[in-house]
Protein backbone atom coordinates (compact mmCIF):
# COMPACT_ATOMS: atom_id res chain seq x y z
CA MET A 1 -60.59 -120.97 118.47
CA SER A 2 -59.18 -118.47 121.09
CA GLY A 3 -60.72 -114.99 119.28
CA VAL A 4 -58.12 -115.17 116.32
CA ASP A 5 -59.60 -113.65 113.13
CA GLN A 6 -58.90 -115.21 109.71
CA SER A 7 -56.18 -112.57 108.82
CA GLU A 8 -54.20 -113.59 112.34
CA LEU A 9 -54.80 -117.38 111.34
CA GLN A 10 -52.91 -117.02 108.35
CA ALA A 11 -50.04 -114.98 109.97
CA LEU A 12 -49.37 -117.86 112.30
CA ILE A 13 -49.91 -120.42 110.03
CA ALA A 14 -47.17 -118.54 108.22
CA GLN A 15 -45.03 -118.75 111.16
CA LEU A 16 -45.65 -122.20 111.63
CA ARG A 17 -44.59 -122.91 107.91
CA ALA A 18 -41.41 -121.23 108.69
CA GLY A 19 -40.28 -123.09 111.35
CA ARG A 20 -36.98 -124.80 111.37
CA ASN A 21 -37.21 -128.53 109.46
CA VAL A 22 -40.57 -127.27 107.96
CA LYS A 23 -40.13 -124.33 105.76
CA ASP A 24 -38.60 -126.34 102.25
CA LEU A 25 -41.25 -128.84 102.90
CA GLY A 26 -43.99 -127.55 100.92
CA LEU A 27 -46.67 -129.31 103.53
CA PRO A 28 -49.91 -128.80 102.60
CA GLU A 29 -51.97 -125.68 104.24
CA GLU A 30 -54.99 -128.17 105.34
CA THR A 31 -52.62 -130.18 107.80
CA LEU A 32 -50.94 -126.41 109.00
CA ARG A 33 -54.40 -124.82 109.66
CA ASP A 34 -55.92 -128.50 111.29
CA ILE A 35 -53.29 -128.62 114.02
CA LEU A 36 -53.35 -125.05 114.87
CA SER A 37 -56.65 -124.51 114.93
CA LEU A 38 -56.78 -127.39 117.12
CA GLU A 39 -54.46 -125.80 119.31
CA LEU A 40 -55.90 -122.53 119.10
CA SER A 41 -58.94 -124.24 120.70
CA ARG A 42 -56.70 -125.26 123.58
CA TYR A 43 -55.02 -122.53 124.34
CA LYS A 44 -55.72 -118.79 125.45
CA LYS A 45 -52.78 -117.59 123.82
CA PRO A 46 -51.90 -117.67 120.27
CA ALA A 47 -48.43 -117.87 120.90
CA GLU A 48 -48.42 -121.04 123.43
CA ALA A 49 -51.01 -122.49 120.90
CA LEU A 50 -48.21 -121.99 118.24
CA LYS A 51 -45.71 -123.45 120.11
CA SER A 52 -47.71 -126.45 120.54
CA ALA A 53 -48.69 -126.88 117.11
CA ARG A 54 -44.74 -126.90 116.39
CA ALA A 55 -44.13 -129.87 118.78
CA LYS A 56 -47.40 -131.80 117.09
CA LEU A 57 -46.12 -130.75 113.65
CA HIS A 58 -42.56 -132.19 115.21
CA ASN A 59 -44.85 -135.51 115.27
CA VAL A 60 -46.47 -136.03 112.09
CA MET A 61 -43.24 -135.18 110.11
CA ALA A 62 -40.94 -137.40 112.74
CA PRO A 63 -37.80 -136.38 111.18
CA TYR A 64 -36.17 -138.78 113.65
CA LEU A 65 -37.49 -141.66 111.96
CA GLY A 66 -35.51 -140.98 108.65
CA ASP A 67 -35.78 -140.05 105.04
CA LEU A 68 -34.75 -139.84 101.82
CA ASP A 69 -32.66 -136.91 99.96
CA TYR A 70 -35.48 -136.90 97.08
CA SER A 71 -33.20 -135.28 94.46
CA CYS A 72 -30.89 -138.13 94.46
CA ALA A 73 -33.38 -140.65 94.86
CA THR A 74 -35.30 -139.32 91.78
CA ARG A 75 -32.18 -139.86 90.11
CA GLU A 76 -31.28 -143.38 91.51
CA LEU A 77 -34.46 -144.18 90.72
CA GLN A 78 -34.61 -143.42 87.02
CA ASP A 79 -31.16 -145.01 86.45
CA ALA A 80 -32.31 -148.37 87.80
CA PHE A 81 -35.17 -148.73 85.68
CA GLU A 82 -32.84 -147.22 82.43
CA SER A 83 -30.81 -150.42 83.33
CA SER A 84 -33.80 -152.70 82.38
CA ASP A 85 -32.72 -154.92 85.45
CA THR A 86 -35.55 -155.81 87.30
CA GLU A 87 -33.27 -156.64 90.36
CA ALA A 88 -31.63 -153.06 90.24
CA VAL A 89 -34.77 -152.06 90.64
CA LYS A 90 -35.66 -154.05 93.40
CA ASN A 91 -32.06 -152.98 95.03
CA ILE A 92 -32.82 -149.53 95.06
CA CYS A 93 -36.67 -149.55 96.40
CA GLN A 94 -34.76 -151.70 99.28
CA SER A 95 -32.31 -149.07 99.60
CA PHE A 96 -35.08 -146.32 99.98
CA LEU A 97 -37.17 -148.71 102.48
CA GLU A 98 -33.94 -148.73 104.34
CA GLN A 99 -33.87 -145.24 104.91
CA HIS A 100 -36.61 -145.04 106.81
CA ASP A 101 -37.05 -146.87 110.81
CA SER A 102 -40.90 -148.41 110.18
CA THR A 103 -39.90 -149.76 106.75
CA ARG A 104 -36.25 -150.57 108.04
CA GLU A 105 -37.18 -153.38 110.55
CA ARG A 106 -39.90 -154.58 108.04
CA LEU A 107 -37.28 -155.82 105.27
CA ALA A 108 -36.48 -158.97 107.47
CA TYR A 109 -39.77 -160.84 106.90
CA LEU A 110 -41.47 -158.42 104.12
CA GLU A 111 -42.90 -161.13 101.94
CA ASP A 112 -44.27 -163.03 104.95
CA PHE A 113 -45.88 -159.45 105.79
CA TYR A 114 -47.79 -159.42 102.40
CA ARG A 115 -48.39 -162.84 102.22
CA GLY A 116 -50.19 -162.77 105.56
CA ILE A 117 -52.36 -159.62 104.89
CA PHE A 118 -53.81 -160.92 101.18
CA SER A 119 -54.18 -164.39 103.28
CA VAL A 120 -57.40 -162.33 104.81
CA CYS A 121 -58.42 -160.41 102.31
CA GLY A 122 -57.41 -162.33 99.16
CA GLN A 123 -55.56 -160.76 96.15
CA PRO A 124 -56.72 -157.27 95.96
CA GLU A 125 -57.61 -155.27 92.65
CA CYS A 126 -57.22 -151.97 94.54
CA VAL A 127 -55.30 -151.00 97.47
CA LEU A 128 -55.38 -147.32 99.18
CA ASP A 129 -52.36 -146.73 101.26
CA LEU A 130 -52.94 -143.87 104.17
CA ALA A 131 -50.39 -141.65 105.43
CA CYS A 132 -48.04 -144.23 103.10
CA GLY A 133 -44.84 -142.97 103.81
CA LEU A 134 -42.07 -144.82 101.84
CA ASN A 135 -44.17 -147.99 102.03
CA PRO A 136 -45.24 -148.03 97.87
CA PHE A 137 -41.50 -148.87 97.35
CA ALA A 138 -42.53 -152.28 98.98
CA LEU A 139 -44.60 -152.91 95.69
CA PRO A 140 -42.07 -155.48 94.34
CA TRP A 141 -42.44 -157.72 97.33
CA MET A 142 -46.34 -157.48 97.21
CA GLY A 143 -47.11 -159.64 94.58
CA LEU A 144 -49.77 -157.45 93.07
CA THR A 145 -51.26 -158.06 89.67
CA THR A 146 -49.89 -155.26 87.11
CA SER A 147 -53.78 -154.02 86.75
CA SER A 148 -54.00 -153.53 90.09
CA ARG A 149 -54.50 -149.92 91.36
CA TYR A 150 -52.39 -148.57 93.83
CA TYR A 151 -53.62 -145.21 95.76
CA ALA A 152 -51.73 -143.50 98.34
CA CYS A 153 -51.72 -140.40 100.55
CA ASP A 154 -49.08 -138.74 101.98
CA ILE A 155 -48.58 -134.88 103.19
CA HIS A 156 -45.26 -134.80 101.87
CA PRO A 157 -44.87 -133.52 98.25
CA ALA A 158 -41.56 -134.42 97.31
CA ARG A 159 -42.87 -138.08 98.51
CA ILE A 160 -45.52 -138.05 96.58
CA GLU A 161 -43.77 -136.80 93.45
CA LEU A 162 -41.56 -139.54 93.69
CA ILE A 163 -43.67 -142.27 94.75
CA ASN A 164 -45.85 -141.17 91.11
CA LYS A 165 -42.50 -141.51 89.39
CA PHE A 166 -41.78 -145.09 90.62
CA LEU A 167 -45.73 -146.12 89.76
CA ARG A 168 -45.37 -144.55 85.84
CA LEU A 169 -42.14 -146.32 85.71
CA SER A 170 -43.49 -149.19 86.90
CA GLY A 171 -46.01 -149.49 84.17
CA ARG A 172 -48.66 -148.41 86.93
CA GLU A 173 -50.89 -145.17 87.25
CA PRO A 174 -49.65 -142.36 89.17
CA LEU A 175 -52.19 -142.49 91.85
CA ALA A 176 -50.58 -141.11 94.99
CA GLU A 177 -51.54 -137.59 95.66
CA VAL A 178 -50.95 -135.05 98.78
CA ARG A 179 -53.75 -135.41 101.00
CA ASP A 180 -54.20 -135.27 104.90
CA ILE A 181 -56.22 -138.12 106.20
CA LEU A 182 -57.58 -136.22 108.85
CA VAL A 183 -58.71 -133.67 106.84
CA ARG A 184 -60.09 -135.01 103.93
CA PRO A 185 -60.36 -138.70 104.27
CA PRO A 186 -60.24 -140.39 101.03
CA GLY A 187 -63.73 -141.74 99.48
CA ILE A 188 -61.69 -144.75 97.36
CA GLU A 189 -63.43 -147.87 97.46
CA ALA A 190 -60.60 -150.26 98.05
CA ASP A 191 -60.30 -153.75 98.25
CA ALA A 192 -57.79 -153.11 101.11
CA ALA A 193 -56.60 -149.84 102.88
CA PHE A 194 -53.19 -149.95 105.03
CA LEU A 195 -52.25 -147.76 107.79
CA PHE A 196 -48.84 -148.90 108.84
CA LYS A 197 -47.17 -147.58 112.11
CA GLU A 198 -49.18 -144.25 112.50
CA ALA A 199 -52.28 -144.71 113.98
CA HIS A 200 -50.62 -143.93 117.27
CA ARG A 201 -48.63 -141.07 116.25
CA LEU A 202 -52.16 -140.07 114.53
CA GLU A 203 -53.63 -140.03 118.01
CA LYS A 204 -51.25 -137.90 119.55
CA ARG A 205 -52.31 -135.17 117.00
CA GLN A 206 -56.26 -135.52 117.58
CA LYS A 207 -57.04 -137.84 120.23
CA GLY A 208 -60.09 -140.08 118.99
CA CYS A 209 -59.24 -139.37 115.10
CA ASN A 210 -58.82 -143.15 114.36
CA ARG A 211 -62.08 -144.13 115.21
CA VAL A 212 -63.53 -141.58 113.23
CA LEU A 213 -61.03 -141.90 110.12
CA TRP A 214 -61.68 -145.80 110.13
CA ALA A 215 -65.17 -145.58 109.87
CA SER A 216 -65.38 -143.16 107.08
CA LEU A 217 -63.25 -145.58 105.10
CA ARG A 218 -64.81 -147.28 101.90
CA ALA A 219 -62.64 -150.32 102.00
CA LYS A 220 -63.64 -154.06 102.52
CA TYR A 221 -60.77 -154.44 104.47
CA LEU A 222 -58.85 -152.42 106.63
CA PHE A 223 -54.86 -153.55 108.05
CA VAL A 224 -53.80 -151.01 110.57
CA SER A 225 -50.18 -152.11 111.51
CA LEU A 226 -48.45 -150.98 115.14
CA PRO A 227 -45.10 -151.47 116.73
CA ARG A 228 -44.44 -154.32 119.14
CA ARG A 229 -41.92 -152.22 121.26
CA SER A 230 -40.93 -148.55 121.66
CA LEU A 231 -38.27 -147.26 119.45
CA ASP A 232 -35.29 -147.72 121.97
CA GLY A 233 -36.80 -151.35 122.31
CA GLN A 234 -36.84 -151.15 126.03
CA ARG A 235 -41.20 -151.10 126.14
CA ASP A 236 -43.27 -153.51 125.29
CA LEU A 237 -46.02 -151.82 123.45
CA ARG A 238 -48.61 -154.92 122.90
CA GLU A 239 -51.29 -153.84 125.23
CA ARG A 240 -51.07 -150.47 124.58
CA MET A 241 -51.37 -150.43 121.09
CA ARG A 242 -54.28 -153.22 121.05
CA ALA A 243 -55.99 -151.02 123.53
CA LEU A 244 -56.05 -148.09 120.91
CA VAL A 245 -57.52 -150.50 118.28
CA VAL A 246 -60.42 -151.84 120.62
CA ALA A 247 -61.22 -147.75 121.40
CA SER A 248 -61.18 -147.39 117.87
CA LEU A 249 -63.43 -149.72 116.66
CA ASN A 250 -67.20 -148.87 116.40
CA GLU A 251 -68.91 -152.55 116.03
CA ASN A 252 -71.55 -151.08 113.78
CA ASP A 253 -69.00 -150.51 110.68
CA TRP A 254 -66.85 -153.84 111.45
CA ALA A 255 -68.15 -157.40 110.98
CA ALA A 256 -64.86 -158.85 111.98
CA TRP A 257 -61.67 -158.28 113.14
CA GLY A 258 -58.11 -160.17 114.16
CA GLU A 259 -54.73 -160.08 114.32
CA LEU A 260 -51.24 -161.00 112.50
CA ASP A 261 -48.18 -161.01 114.50
CA PHE A 262 -44.62 -160.36 113.14
CA PRO A 263 -41.59 -159.56 114.74
CA GLY A 264 -41.45 -155.88 114.78
CA GLU A 265 -45.67 -155.24 114.59
CA THR A 266 -48.76 -156.71 114.81
CA VAL A 267 -51.65 -156.30 111.84
CA TYR A 268 -54.84 -155.76 113.09
CA TRP A 269 -57.46 -156.42 110.56
CA MET A 270 -61.13 -155.30 110.19
CA LYS A 271 -63.77 -156.17 107.51
CA LYS A 272 -66.40 -153.86 106.56
CA HIS A 273 -70.16 -154.78 106.95
CA ALA A 274 -71.41 -155.67 103.41
């Protein structure tokens, strides 16, 4: 860090939090501190570090991928469950998934997606969804037992609040939490951990972070999905994404790994050593 004391760091964190598209999100301080501290180690001038941190945070939040109006979504979710109509609940979940690029394109093959994953690891009793985004709203398509536990982590408090409401209304434990998985990797002993369309963006935040994160997980299987093409559809990303996975694998941690191909993404699965 470039000679910045704690009071100066707090002032910079406050400036970072006050930025446009950030100030109303209530992002955890652990995320802001981590991003800013890393940039302060790279730049001599705090102003330059702050500018770079803002760019990093924009990539982390990725508003260009879409999101929900959480107040409206909460009312819609409540109304769907109060109707006691399982199709109404499924329809509102689908409408949520349609609001974000990464989950929208998966809707076309959603049941096949989870069928493929569970053909590798079996029916999980405990799932850990890392940097989950809106993915927990795909639960109606997963076919998990009602007794299974679904843990989820995200840095967006309003998103986590809505996910926990959904889990409660679905008769499940509200096991979603605000957590920065790079700062505090979860220690949940899960049957399957998901990291969907996030590893490449995490790598932009901190190069090499996936190798550290994946090794720290206490899951029997890890499923990492990465896009096959760029957002504009112009570039084939498969070779680059596969290289990221290979670079992030530590053979001392993983006993086996493989790939599952879907129209919009490739899922790389890894099995931990027993």
